[in-house]
N, C-alpha and C. Protein backbone atom coordinates (compact mmCIF):
# COMPACT_ATOMS: atom_id res chain seq x y z
N MET A 1 29.35 -8.66 2.54
CA MET A 1 28.03 -8.92 3.49
C MET A 1 28.40 -8.36 4.53
N SER A 2 27.46 -7.75 5.18
CA SER A 2 27.49 -7.59 6.64
C SER A 2 27.47 -8.55 7.64
N SER A 3 28.02 -8.65 8.97
CA SER A 3 27.56 -9.82 9.90
C SER A 3 26.52 -9.37 10.86
N LYS A 4 25.68 -8.35 10.28
CA LYS A 4 24.68 -7.97 11.20
C LYS A 4 23.49 -9.10 11.09
N VAL A 5 22.84 -9.20 12.18
CA VAL A 5 21.61 -10.53 11.94
C VAL A 5 20.45 -10.38 11.10
N ARG A 6 20.58 -11.37 10.11
CA ARG A 6 19.36 -11.11 8.78
C ARG A 6 18.30 -11.92 9.26
N ARG A 7 17.28 -11.36 9.28
CA ARG A 7 15.94 -12.16 9.31
C ARG A 7 15.19 -12.08 7.83
N ARG A 8 14.50 -13.00 7.95
CA ARG A 8 13.87 -13.37 6.11
C ARG A 8 12.53 -13.54 6.51
N LEU A 9 11.13 -12.12 6.57
CA LEU A 9 10.16 -12.02 6.73
C LEU A 9 9.82 -11.32 5.14
N GLN A 10 8.54 -11.93 4.72
CA GLN A 10 7.73 -11.22 3.64
C GLN A 10 6.64 -12.03 3.69
N GLN A 11 5.88 -12.41 2.44
CA GLN A 11 4.74 -13.45 2.51
C GLN A 11 4.90 -14.98 2.30
N GLY A 12 4.22 -15.41 2.64
CA GLY A 12 3.51 -17.43 2.05
C GLY A 12 3.74 -17.93 3.14
N ALA A 13 4.10 -19.06 2.73
CA ALA A 13 4.15 -20.44 4.09
C ALA A 13 2.64 -20.67 4.22
N GLY A 14 2.94 -21.71 5.39
CA GLY A 14 1.69 -22.46 5.46
C GLY A 14 1.88 -22.95 7.09
N PHE A 15 1.34 -22.56 8.30
CA PHE A 15 1.08 -23.27 9.82
C PHE A 15 -0.65 -24.02 9.14
N ARG A 16 -0.30 -24.97 9.43
CA ARG A 16 -1.67 -26.26 9.39
C ARG A 16 -1.93 -26.67 10.82
N ARG A 17 -2.90 -26.72 11.30
CA ARG A 17 -3.28 -27.37 12.69
C ARG A 17 -3.72 -28.90 12.13
N ARG A 18 -3.11 -29.61 13.06
CA ARG A 18 -3.78 -31.38 13.14
C ARG A 18 -4.81 -31.63 14.34
N ASP A 19 -6.32 -31.84 13.90
CA ASP A 19 -7.16 -32.01 15.17
C ASP A 19 -6.59 -33.26 16.13
N ALA A 20 -7.03 -33.54 17.35
CA ALA A 20 -7.10 -34.34 17.64
C ALA A 20 -8.25 -35.24 17.56
N ALA A 21 -8.16 -36.73 17.96
CA ALA A 21 -8.92 -37.38 17.14
C ALA A 21 -10.07 -36.99 17.94
N GLU A 22 -11.38 -37.30 16.98
CA GLU A 22 -12.62 -37.63 17.91
C GLU A 22 -12.61 -38.51 18.95
N GLY A 23 -13.23 -37.79 20.18
CA GLY A 23 -13.45 -38.38 21.07
C GLY A 23 -12.38 -39.03 22.18
N GLU A 24 -10.98 -38.42 21.49
CA GLU A 24 -10.06 -38.07 22.46
C GLU A 24 -9.67 -36.60 23.16
N ALA A 25 -9.03 -36.83 24.27
CA ALA A 25 -8.27 -35.53 25.08
C ALA A 25 -7.32 -35.33 24.21
N GLU A 26 -7.45 -33.81 23.81
CA GLU A 26 -6.31 -33.49 22.82
C GLU A 26 -4.86 -33.12 23.85
N GLY A 27 -3.94 -33.46 23.61
CA GLY A 27 -2.87 -33.19 24.61
C GLY A 27 -2.16 -32.21 24.39
N PRO A 28 -0.83 -32.01 24.85
CA PRO A 28 -0.20 -30.30 25.04
C PRO A 28 0.02 -30.37 23.32
N ARG A 29 -0.37 -28.83 22.92
CA ARG A 29 -0.29 -28.56 21.36
C ARG A 29 1.30 -28.51 21.30
N VAL A 30 1.56 -29.23 20.39
CA VAL A 30 3.09 -29.12 19.81
C VAL A 30 3.26 -28.53 18.39
N LEU A 31 4.57 -27.48 18.45
CA LEU A 31 4.09 -27.12 17.26
C LEU A 31 5.49 -27.54 16.04
N ARG A 32 4.87 -28.28 14.84
CA ARG A 32 6.31 -28.79 13.73
C ARG A 32 6.29 -28.07 12.77
N GLY A 33 7.04 -28.13 11.77
CA GLY A 33 7.43 -27.65 10.50
C GLY A 33 8.35 -27.24 10.12
N HIS A 34 8.79 -26.57 9.70
CA HIS A 34 10.22 -26.02 8.68
C HIS A 34 10.37 -24.14 8.60
N ALA A 35 11.28 -23.70 9.36
CA ALA A 35 11.40 -22.42 9.12
C ALA A 35 12.38 -22.01 8.08
N ALA A 36 13.21 -22.92 7.65
CA ALA A 36 13.69 -22.75 6.41
C ALA A 36 13.41 -23.57 5.21
N VAL A 37 13.82 -23.14 4.08
CA VAL A 37 14.01 -25.02 3.18
C VAL A 37 14.94 -24.45 1.81
N PHE A 38 14.97 -25.77 1.72
CA PHE A 38 16.50 -25.63 1.03
C PHE A 38 16.20 -25.62 -0.71
N GLY A 39 16.92 -24.98 -1.39
CA GLY A 39 16.83 -25.04 -3.10
C GLY A 39 15.52 -24.39 -3.48
N GLU A 40 14.94 -23.39 -2.24
CA GLU A 40 14.02 -21.95 -2.96
C GLU A 40 14.72 -21.05 -2.96
N SER A 41 14.48 -20.26 -4.39
CA SER A 41 15.17 -18.85 -4.57
C SER A 41 14.69 -17.68 -4.19
N THR A 42 14.18 -17.24 -3.53
CA THR A 42 13.61 -15.58 -3.31
C THR A 42 14.53 -14.59 -3.63
N VAL A 43 13.40 -13.22 -4.06
CA VAL A 43 14.06 -12.26 -4.66
C VAL A 43 14.18 -11.24 -2.90
N LEU A 44 15.24 -10.98 -2.73
CA LEU A 44 15.26 -9.83 -1.74
C LEU A 44 15.02 -8.82 -2.06
N TYR A 45 15.97 -7.98 -3.39
CA TYR A 45 15.86 -6.54 -3.65
C TYR A 45 15.71 -7.09 -4.97
N ARG A 46 15.22 -5.76 -5.38
CA ARG A 46 14.81 -5.72 -6.97
C ARG A 46 14.65 -4.23 -7.07
N ALA A 47 15.48 -3.82 -8.37
CA ALA A 47 15.37 -2.49 -9.22
C ALA A 47 15.42 -2.57 -10.59
N ARG A 48 15.31 -1.60 -11.39
CA ARG A 48 15.38 -1.50 -12.48
C ARG A 48 16.80 -2.18 -13.31
N GLY A 49 16.27 -3.39 -13.87
CA GLY A 49 17.28 -4.14 -14.82
C GLY A 49 18.13 -4.91 -13.47
N TRP A 50 18.03 -5.15 -12.52
CA TRP A 50 18.66 -5.55 -11.12
C TRP A 50 17.61 -6.81 -10.37
N GLU A 51 18.27 -7.75 -9.90
CA GLU A 51 17.70 -8.24 -8.63
C GLU A 51 18.55 -8.83 -7.95
N VAL A 52 18.68 -9.36 -6.71
CA VAL A 52 19.34 -10.22 -5.96
C VAL A 52 18.25 -11.25 -5.18
N ARG A 53 18.77 -12.16 -5.59
CA ARG A 53 17.92 -13.48 -5.11
C ARG A 53 18.73 -14.43 -4.12
N GLU A 54 18.06 -14.94 -3.18
CA GLU A 54 18.99 -15.67 -2.19
C GLU A 54 18.23 -17.27 -2.26
N VAL A 55 19.06 -18.22 -1.99
CA VAL A 55 18.68 -19.82 -1.68
C VAL A 55 19.78 -20.33 -1.01
N ILE A 56 18.91 -21.21 0.20
CA ILE A 56 19.69 -21.92 1.21
C ILE A 56 20.06 -23.12 0.45
N ARG A 57 21.04 -23.97 0.96
CA ARG A 57 21.60 -24.89 0.40
C ARG A 57 21.82 -25.86 1.59
N PRO A 58 21.34 -27.60 1.12
CA PRO A 58 21.49 -28.30 2.04
C PRO A 58 22.70 -28.52 3.11
N GLY A 59 22.73 -28.43 4.22
CA GLY A 59 23.67 -28.43 5.05
C GLY A 59 24.22 -26.77 5.74
N ALA A 60 23.48 -26.19 5.49
CA ALA A 60 23.60 -24.85 5.32
C ALA A 60 23.76 -24.75 7.48
N PHE A 61 22.94 -25.56 7.96
CA PHE A 61 22.75 -25.30 9.47
C PHE A 61 23.64 -26.39 10.62
N ARG A 62 23.76 -27.20 9.64
CA ARG A 62 24.63 -28.45 10.05
C ARG A 62 25.71 -28.38 11.14
N ASN A 63 26.33 -26.92 10.79
CA ASN A 63 27.34 -26.64 11.84
C ASN A 63 26.99 -26.33 13.23
N ALA A 64 25.88 -25.13 12.44
CA ALA A 64 25.31 -24.45 14.28
C ALA A 64 24.85 -25.61 15.23
N LEU A 65 23.65 -26.61 14.60
CA LEU A 65 23.27 -27.50 15.45
C LEU A 65 24.08 -28.62 15.78
N ALA A 66 25.63 -28.60 15.18
CA ALA A 66 26.08 -29.70 16.06
C ALA A 66 26.88 -29.18 17.14
N GLU A 67 26.83 -28.13 16.70
CA GLU A 67 27.69 -26.75 18.00
C GLU A 67 26.67 -26.92 19.01
N ARG A 68 25.23 -27.18 18.33
CA ARG A 68 24.17 -26.88 19.94
C ARG A 68 24.37 -25.12 19.96
N MET A 69 23.99 -24.59 19.01
CA MET A 69 23.74 -22.72 19.44
C MET A 69 22.68 -23.06 20.16
N ASP A 70 22.63 -21.87 21.32
CA ASP A 70 21.37 -21.80 21.90
C ASP A 70 20.53 -20.38 21.06
N VAL A 71 19.60 -21.15 20.34
CA VAL A 71 18.39 -20.58 19.51
C VAL A 71 17.05 -20.55 20.22
N ARG A 72 16.34 -19.63 19.81
CA ARG A 72 15.16 -19.56 20.34
C ARG A 72 14.27 -19.64 19.41
N ALA A 73 13.18 -19.63 19.59
CA ALA A 73 12.05 -19.86 19.14
C ALA A 73 10.85 -18.57 19.36
N LEU A 74 10.53 -17.53 18.68
CA LEU A 74 9.75 -16.24 18.78
C LEU A 74 8.62 -16.07 18.33
N ILE A 75 7.65 -15.32 18.38
CA ILE A 75 6.84 -14.99 17.45
C ILE A 75 7.25 -13.34 16.79
N ASP A 76 7.14 -13.09 15.58
CA ASP A 76 7.39 -12.16 14.62
C ASP A 76 8.84 -11.51 14.90
N HIS A 77 9.89 -12.66 15.73
CA HIS A 77 11.24 -12.09 15.79
C HIS A 77 11.32 -11.41 17.15
N ASN A 78 10.27 -11.14 17.58
CA ASN A 78 10.32 -10.17 18.92
C ASN A 78 10.73 -11.11 20.19
N SER A 79 11.84 -10.71 20.82
CA SER A 79 12.45 -11.33 22.16
C SER A 79 11.48 -11.35 23.47
N THR A 80 10.94 -10.56 23.24
CA THR A 80 9.66 -10.77 24.22
C THR A 80 8.40 -11.58 24.34
N LEU A 81 8.69 -12.14 23.22
CA LEU A 81 7.27 -13.14 22.78
C LEU A 81 8.35 -14.56 22.45
N ILE A 82 8.42 -15.19 23.17
CA ILE A 82 9.37 -16.26 23.11
C ILE A 82 8.54 -17.87 23.41
N LEU A 83 8.60 -18.48 22.35
CA LEU A 83 7.98 -19.91 22.54
C LEU A 83 8.83 -20.97 23.16
N GLY A 84 10.16 -21.08 22.87
CA GLY A 84 10.91 -21.92 23.05
C GLY A 84 12.36 -21.88 22.73
N ARG A 85 13.31 -22.63 23.45
CA ARG A 85 14.42 -22.83 23.54
C ARG A 85 15.24 -23.61 23.75
N THR A 86 16.23 -23.78 22.73
CA THR A 86 16.96 -25.01 22.65
C THR A 86 18.02 -25.80 24.09
N ALA A 87 18.25 -24.66 24.16
CA ALA A 87 18.96 -24.74 25.78
C ALA A 87 17.93 -25.06 27.15
N SER A 88 17.27 -25.37 26.92
CA SER A 88 15.80 -25.94 27.72
C SER A 88 15.37 -26.92 27.38
N GLY A 89 15.57 -27.04 25.92
CA GLY A 89 15.16 -28.35 25.73
C GLY A 89 13.07 -28.30 24.77
N THR A 90 12.75 -26.98 25.15
CA THR A 90 11.42 -26.60 24.61
C THR A 90 11.63 -26.08 22.90
N LEU A 91 12.44 -26.11 22.49
CA LEU A 91 12.72 -26.10 20.60
C LEU A 91 14.24 -27.26 20.26
N ARG A 92 13.37 -28.39 19.49
CA ARG A 92 14.07 -28.94 19.03
C ARG A 92 14.17 -29.10 17.50
N LEU A 93 15.80 -28.86 16.66
CA LEU A 93 15.91 -28.57 15.59
C LEU A 93 16.80 -29.47 14.84
N SER A 94 16.48 -29.82 13.61
CA SER A 94 17.35 -30.81 12.87
C SER A 94 17.25 -30.54 11.45
N GLU A 95 17.99 -30.81 10.64
CA GLU A 95 18.07 -30.59 9.47
C GLU A 95 17.29 -32.09 8.25
N ASP A 96 16.28 -31.53 7.57
CA ASP A 96 15.83 -32.94 7.02
C ASP A 96 16.48 -32.70 5.22
N ALA A 97 15.38 -33.55 4.51
CA ALA A 97 15.61 -33.29 3.04
C ALA A 97 14.93 -31.97 2.38
N ARG A 98 13.73 -31.33 3.51
CA ARG A 98 13.35 -30.30 3.12
C ARG A 98 13.82 -29.23 3.26
N GLY A 99 14.63 -28.95 4.69
CA GLY A 99 15.35 -28.11 5.42
C GLY A 99 15.20 -27.84 6.67
N LEU A 100 15.12 -26.65 7.31
CA LEU A 100 15.30 -26.94 9.07
C LEU A 100 14.41 -27.08 9.27
N ALA A 101 14.13 -28.02 9.67
CA ALA A 101 12.52 -28.89 10.39
C ALA A 101 12.98 -28.45 12.10
N VAL A 102 11.62 -27.70 12.57
CA VAL A 102 11.40 -27.36 13.92
C VAL A 102 10.40 -28.20 14.96
N GLU A 103 10.74 -28.00 16.22
CA GLU A 103 9.82 -28.34 16.78
C GLU A 103 9.80 -28.10 18.45
N ILE A 104 8.80 -27.37 18.78
CA ILE A 104 8.52 -26.53 19.86
C ILE A 104 7.35 -27.10 20.75
N ASP A 105 7.67 -26.66 22.24
CA ASP A 105 6.48 -26.87 23.17
C ASP A 105 6.64 -25.52 23.58
N PRO A 106 5.60 -24.78 23.20
CA PRO A 106 4.70 -23.84 23.57
C PRO A 106 4.43 -23.47 25.09
N PRO A 107 4.95 -22.09 25.39
CA PRO A 107 4.27 -22.09 26.85
C PRO A 107 2.94 -21.73 27.31
N ASP A 108 2.39 -21.96 28.55
CA ASP A 108 0.99 -21.45 28.92
C ASP A 108 1.22 -20.32 29.24
N THR A 109 1.56 -19.47 27.92
CA THR A 109 1.19 -17.95 27.96
C THR A 109 -0.03 -16.82 27.19
N GLN A 110 -0.10 -16.16 27.45
CA GLN A 110 -0.75 -15.37 26.89
C GLN A 110 -0.87 -15.19 25.39
N ALA A 111 0.58 -14.86 25.07
CA ALA A 111 1.05 -14.71 23.80
C ALA A 111 0.91 -16.22 23.01
N ALA A 112 1.36 -17.04 23.73
CA ALA A 112 1.48 -18.57 22.84
C ALA A 112 -0.03 -18.87 22.82
N ARG A 113 -0.92 -18.71 23.73
CA ARG A 113 -2.52 -18.92 23.53
C ARG A 113 -2.87 -18.23 22.15
N ASP A 114 -2.68 -16.92 22.30
CA ASP A 114 -3.18 -16.02 21.38
C ASP A 114 -2.38 -16.27 19.50
N LEU A 115 -1.64 -17.04 19.39
CA LEU A 115 -0.55 -17.39 18.54
C LEU A 115 -1.52 -18.90 17.97
N LEU A 116 -2.14 -19.83 18.96
CA LEU A 116 -2.60 -20.79 18.96
C LEU A 116 -3.75 -20.52 18.16
N VAL A 117 -4.43 -19.71 18.72
CA VAL A 117 -5.85 -19.06 18.36
C VAL A 117 -5.91 -18.48 16.48
N SER A 118 -4.85 -17.91 16.22
CA SER A 118 -4.96 -17.18 15.18
C SER A 118 -4.22 -18.44 14.07
N ILE A 119 -3.22 -19.21 14.59
CA ILE A 119 -3.35 -20.45 13.93
C ILE A 119 -4.35 -21.38 12.92
N ASP A 120 -5.36 -21.78 14.57
CA ASP A 120 -6.54 -22.59 14.20
C ASP A 120 -7.39 -21.75 13.10
N ARG A 121 -7.44 -20.35 13.38
CA ARG A 121 -8.37 -19.48 12.24
C ARG A 121 -7.57 -19.47 11.04
N GLY A 122 -6.31 -19.74 10.89
CA GLY A 122 -5.49 -19.31 9.44
C GLY A 122 -4.93 -18.16 9.32
N ASP A 123 -5.41 -17.32 10.23
CA ASP A 123 -4.34 -15.48 10.58
C ASP A 123 -3.09 -15.82 10.19
N VAL A 124 -2.60 -16.96 10.74
CA VAL A 124 -0.83 -16.83 10.71
C VAL A 124 -0.93 -18.26 10.35
N SER A 125 0.16 -18.03 8.97
CA SER A 125 0.35 -18.94 8.41
C SER A 125 1.85 -19.00 7.76
N GLN A 126 2.46 -18.79 8.88
CA GLN A 126 4.09 -18.61 8.22
C GLN A 126 5.27 -18.29 8.73
N MET A 127 6.56 -18.74 8.66
CA MET A 127 7.88 -19.17 9.49
C MET A 127 8.72 -17.96 8.64
N SER A 128 9.89 -17.82 9.67
CA SER A 128 11.08 -17.03 9.35
C SER A 128 12.12 -17.48 10.03
N PHE A 129 13.30 -17.29 9.85
CA PHE A 129 13.98 -17.73 10.85
C PHE A 129 15.54 -15.94 10.66
N ALA A 130 16.34 -16.34 11.94
CA ALA A 130 17.61 -15.07 11.91
C ALA A 130 18.84 -15.90 11.79
N PHE A 131 20.00 -14.84 11.26
CA PHE A 131 21.04 -15.91 11.26
C PHE A 131 22.00 -14.56 10.67
N VAL A 132 23.55 -15.33 10.62
CA VAL A 132 24.22 -14.36 10.02
C VAL A 132 25.46 -15.29 9.39
N PRO A 133 25.77 -15.16 8.23
CA PRO A 133 26.70 -15.96 7.65
C PRO A 133 28.16 -16.09 7.95
N ARG A 134 28.28 -17.39 8.32
CA ARG A 134 29.78 -17.76 8.69
C ARG A 134 30.72 -17.44 7.64
N LYS A 135 32.23 -17.05 8.33
CA LYS A 135 33.39 -16.81 7.53
C LYS A 135 32.87 -18.20 5.87
N GLY A 136 32.69 -17.06 5.15
CA GLY A 136 33.00 -18.20 3.78
C GLY A 136 31.42 -18.93 3.62
N GLY A 137 30.35 -18.56 4.59
CA GLY A 137 29.24 -19.03 4.45
C GLY A 137 28.36 -18.57 3.29
N GLU A 138 28.83 -17.91 2.61
CA GLU A 138 27.85 -17.71 1.47
C GLU A 138 28.54 -17.48 0.25
N VAL A 139 27.91 -17.76 -0.82
CA VAL A 139 28.20 -17.83 -1.92
C VAL A 139 28.28 -16.91 -3.18
N ILE A 140 28.55 -16.24 -3.48
CA ILE A 140 27.79 -14.48 -4.41
C ILE A 140 28.20 -14.59 -6.00
N THR A 141 27.41 -14.69 -6.63
CA THR A 141 27.63 -14.90 -8.06
C THR A 141 26.60 -13.83 -8.88
N THR A 142 26.89 -13.33 -10.23
CA THR A 142 26.15 -12.57 -10.96
C THR A 142 26.53 -12.75 -12.38
N ARG A 143 25.01 -13.01 -12.84
CA ARG A 143 25.11 -13.12 -14.24
C ARG A 143 24.05 -12.39 -15.00
N MET A 144 24.06 -12.57 -15.86
CA MET A 144 23.04 -11.40 -17.02
C MET A 144 21.88 -12.40 -17.60
N ASP A 145 20.49 -12.58 -17.11
CA ASP A 145 19.45 -12.86 -17.74
C ASP A 145 18.55 -12.04 -18.56
N GLY A 146 19.23 -12.00 -19.95
CA GLY A 146 18.61 -11.06 -20.62
C GLY A 146 18.86 -9.59 -20.47
N ASP A 147 18.19 -9.03 -20.63
CA ASP A 147 18.27 -7.47 -19.90
C ASP A 147 18.56 -7.50 -18.24
N LEU A 148 18.46 -8.18 -17.75
CA LEU A 148 18.15 -8.05 -15.93
C LEU A 148 19.56 -8.92 -15.82
N GLU A 149 20.04 -8.19 -14.99
CA GLU A 149 21.09 -8.58 -14.16
C GLU A 149 21.15 -9.28 -12.50
N VAL A 150 21.38 -10.44 -12.44
CA VAL A 150 21.01 -11.61 -11.17
C VAL A 150 22.12 -11.85 -10.35
N THR A 151 21.97 -11.28 -9.30
CA THR A 151 23.14 -11.25 -8.52
C THR A 151 22.09 -12.35 -7.21
N THR A 152 22.74 -13.82 -7.50
CA THR A 152 22.48 -15.27 -6.47
C THR A 152 23.39 -14.87 -5.14
N VAL A 153 22.62 -15.10 -4.36
CA VAL A 153 23.61 -15.50 -2.77
C VAL A 153 23.27 -16.92 -2.32
N GLU A 154 24.11 -17.60 -2.69
CA GLU A 154 23.85 -18.92 -1.91
C GLU A 154 24.30 -19.09 -0.24
N LEU A 155 23.62 -19.31 0.42
CA LEU A 155 23.79 -19.82 1.45
C LEU A 155 24.06 -20.90 1.97
N ILE A 156 25.40 -20.98 2.84
CA ILE A 156 26.18 -22.93 2.89
C ILE A 156 26.13 -23.25 4.11
N ASP A 157 26.66 -21.96 5.26
CA ASP A 157 27.26 -22.44 6.34
C ASP A 157 26.56 -20.92 7.33
N LEU A 158 25.68 -21.61 8.42
CA LEU A 158 25.05 -20.09 8.81
C LEU A 158 25.23 -20.64 10.26
N ASP A 159 25.04 -19.53 11.47
CA ASP A 159 24.97 -19.00 12.65
C ASP A 159 23.23 -19.08 12.67
N LEU A 160 22.64 -19.28 13.49
CA LEU A 160 21.39 -19.42 13.83
C LEU A 160 21.24 -18.86 15.22
N TYR A 161 20.13 -17.83 14.91
CA TYR A 161 19.95 -17.14 16.49
C TYR A 161 18.48 -17.42 17.12
N ASP A 162 17.54 -17.22 15.90
CA ASP A 162 16.39 -17.93 16.34
C ASP A 162 15.25 -18.09 15.05
N VAL A 163 14.58 -19.05 15.39
CA VAL A 163 12.95 -19.30 14.65
C VAL A 163 11.75 -19.00 14.61
N SER A 164 11.20 -18.38 13.88
CA SER A 164 10.17 -16.96 14.34
C SER A 164 8.59 -17.39 13.37
N ALA A 165 7.72 -18.01 14.23
CA ALA A 165 6.19 -17.43 13.36
C ALA A 165 6.14 -16.10 13.05
N VAL A 166 6.17 -15.99 11.53
CA VAL A 166 5.80 -14.28 11.34
C VAL A 166 4.55 -14.43 10.13
N THR A 167 4.32 -13.04 10.56
CA THR A 167 3.10 -13.05 8.98
C THR A 167 3.44 -12.48 7.95
N TYR A 168 4.59 -12.23 7.46
CA TYR A 168 5.23 -12.12 6.38
C TYR A 168 6.59 -12.49 6.10
N PRO A 169 6.85 -14.06 6.15
CA PRO A 169 8.14 -14.54 6.11
C PRO A 169 8.45 -14.27 4.00
N GLN A 170 10.21 -14.38 3.92
CA GLN A 170 10.67 -14.24 2.98
C GLN A 170 10.55 -15.44 2.06
N TYR A 171 10.28 -16.96 2.48
CA TYR A 171 10.28 -18.03 2.03
C TYR A 171 9.11 -18.89 1.78
N PRO A 172 8.00 -18.77 1.12
CA PRO A 172 6.92 -19.27 0.98
C PRO A 172 6.73 -20.64 1.26
N GLY A 173 7.83 -21.80 0.77
CA GLY A 173 7.88 -23.00 1.10
C GLY A 173 7.81 -23.41 2.67
N THR A 174 8.27 -22.69 3.76
CA THR A 174 8.24 -22.66 4.72
C THR A 174 6.62 -23.00 5.50
N ASP A 175 7.01 -24.16 6.22
CA ASP A 175 5.91 -24.67 7.08
C ASP A 175 5.35 -25.00 8.39
N ILE A 176 4.42 -25.02 8.95
CA ILE A 176 4.25 -25.16 10.56
C ILE A 176 3.03 -25.74 10.60
N ARG A 177 2.92 -26.71 11.63
CA ARG A 177 1.45 -27.31 12.30
C ARG A 177 1.64 -27.49 13.48
N ALA A 178 0.01 -27.35 14.12
CA ALA A 178 0.14 -27.13 15.80
C ALA A 178 -1.27 -28.36 15.58
N GLY A 179 -0.53 -29.18 17.01
CA GLY A 179 -1.58 -30.06 16.99
C GLY A 179 -1.16 -30.75 18.29
N GLY A 180 -1.90 -31.43 19.04
CA GLY A 180 -1.64 -32.47 19.99
C GLY A 180 -1.02 -33.94 19.78
N GLU A 181 -0.59 -34.37 21.00
CA GLU A 181 -0.18 -35.75 20.82
C GLU A 181 -1.18 -36.67 20.38
N ALA A 182 -2.25 -36.80 20.70
CA ALA A 182 -3.29 -37.34 20.17
C ALA A 182 -3.20 -37.58 18.97
N ALA A 183 -3.24 -36.41 17.96
CA ALA A 183 -3.20 -36.30 16.74
C ALA A 183 -2.18 -37.18 16.35
N ASP A 184 -0.72 -36.86 16.89
CA ASP A 184 0.16 -37.25 15.81
C ASP A 184 0.37 -38.86 15.97
N VAL A 185 -0.43 -39.60 16.85
CA VAL A 185 -0.52 -40.92 16.93
C VAL A 185 -1.43 -41.56 16.23
N VAL A 186 -2.70 -40.85 15.73
CA VAL A 186 -3.51 -41.02 14.99
C VAL A 186 -2.78 -40.75 13.64
N ASP A 187 -2.14 -39.69 13.36
CA ASP A 187 -0.81 -39.76 12.33
C ASP A 187 -0.37 -40.62 11.71
N LYS A 188 0.25 -40.93 13.01
CA LYS A 188 1.64 -42.76 12.68
C LYS A 188 1.10 -43.72 12.32
N VAL A 189 -0.41 -43.76 13.22
CA VAL A 189 -0.93 -44.90 12.59
C VAL A 189 -1.74 -45.02 11.05
N LYS A 190 -2.20 -44.05 10.73
CA LYS A 190 -2.60 -43.52 9.65
C LYS A 190 -1.47 -44.08 8.37
N ALA A 191 -0.39 -43.51 8.94
CA ALA A 191 0.77 -43.75 7.57
C ALA A 191 1.36 -45.00 7.68
N ASP A 192 1.48 -45.64 9.10
CA ASP A 192 1.79 -46.88 9.01
C ASP A 192 0.96 -47.91 8.33
N TRP A 193 -0.41 -47.51 8.34
CA TRP A 193 -1.44 -48.44 7.86
C TRP A 193 -1.29 -48.30 6.11
N LEU A 194 -1.05 -47.03 5.79
CA LEU A 194 -0.91 -46.49 4.30
C LEU A 194 0.34 -47.48 3.51
N ALA A 195 1.38 -47.59 4.16
CA ALA A 195 2.63 -48.05 3.87
C ALA A 195 2.54 -49.06 3.22
N GLU A 196 1.70 -50.25 4.03
CA GLU A 196 1.10 -51.50 3.52
C GLU A 196 1.56 -51.60 1.84
N PRO A 197 1.65 -52.35 1.41
CA PRO A 197 1.17 -52.72 -0.40
C PRO A 197 -0.31 -52.29 -0.84
N GLY A 198 -0.59 -51.61 -1.90
CA GLY A 198 -2.11 -51.58 -1.98
C GLY A 198 -2.82 -50.59 -1.83
N ARG A 199 -2.41 -50.26 -0.34
CA ARG A 199 -3.23 -49.92 0.72
C ARG A 199 -3.45 -48.17 0.26
N ALA A 200 -2.42 -47.50 0.00
CA ALA A 200 -2.65 -46.30 -0.44
C ALA A 200 -3.58 -45.93 -1.48
N ALA A 201 -3.29 -47.01 -2.54
CA ALA A 201 -4.56 -46.71 -3.40
C ALA A 201 -5.93 -47.32 -3.07
N LEU A 202 -6.21 -47.70 -2.38
CA LEU A 202 -7.02 -48.15 -1.94
C LEU A 202 -8.08 -47.05 -1.19
N PHE A 203 -6.87 -46.71 -0.03
CA PHE A 203 -7.80 -45.33 0.67
C PHE A 203 -8.34 -44.10 -0.56
N ALA A 204 -7.23 -44.11 -1.51
CA ALA A 204 -8.02 -42.86 -2.48
C ALA A 204 -9.12 -43.13 -2.78
N GLU A 205 -9.11 -44.71 -3.20
CA GLU A 205 -10.62 -44.95 -4.26
C GLU A 205 -11.56 -44.81 -2.91
N LEU A 206 -11.11 -44.62 -2.14
CA LEU A 206 -12.63 -44.89 -0.91
C LEU A 206 -12.71 -43.28 -0.67
N GLU A 207 -11.80 -42.44 -0.54
CA GLU A 207 -11.93 -40.72 -0.17
C GLU A 207 -12.62 -40.29 -1.79
N ARG A 208 -12.26 -40.99 -3.27
CA ARG A 208 -13.04 -40.49 -4.10
C ARG A 208 -14.39 -40.79 -4.04
N ARG A 209 -14.58 -41.85 -3.93
CA ARG A 209 -16.24 -42.32 -3.38
C ARG A 209 -16.78 -42.04 -2.15
N GLY A 210 -16.32 -41.03 -1.61
CA GLY A 210 -16.66 -40.25 -0.47
C GLY A 210 -17.18 -41.38 0.88
N ALA A 211 -16.19 -42.35 0.81
CA ALA A 211 -16.93 -43.52 1.84
C ALA A 211 -16.42 -42.89 3.04
């Protein structure tokens, strides 16, 4: 496989907006979500009788994050449309149980403002990432599935170059949401309340009844 930087764009995923609580001023908008997801197989190439599939394994980004690679957050992988950067602290990355978790403090630029409008409208609802496998960082296997030859590329150790809001990602399970600090506080209080024994069931019953 080539060492050329790879970008994962196709279709799917979801940006979701969280509104500030009623009566509260909305704080700085923060983008949070996942630019890559673990364990989700996606088809990279398809031809008569042959498919190439890719899947990201947990820990694939661990070394890149430990080494504090200088990663950018972009729009459609365009280096002139920057949203954040790990070196400046405006982009924060981590691995969680789902995948590559992203938190971005977007700048007050026209591109970022336009992106937030598109998120709010639901026109932009996808993410992607750019990477190069490290030496030994991908495992390639081939098997027959009936008459179909399936080549699977498992990504296990990657150099990471950017994460990006995109129109057409490769992995539909990626997600991101845009909200203000006030919304985060409200969500935290709600989550703590629901964590008490019996309250989740009570809340579900109230919603069912339209209370």
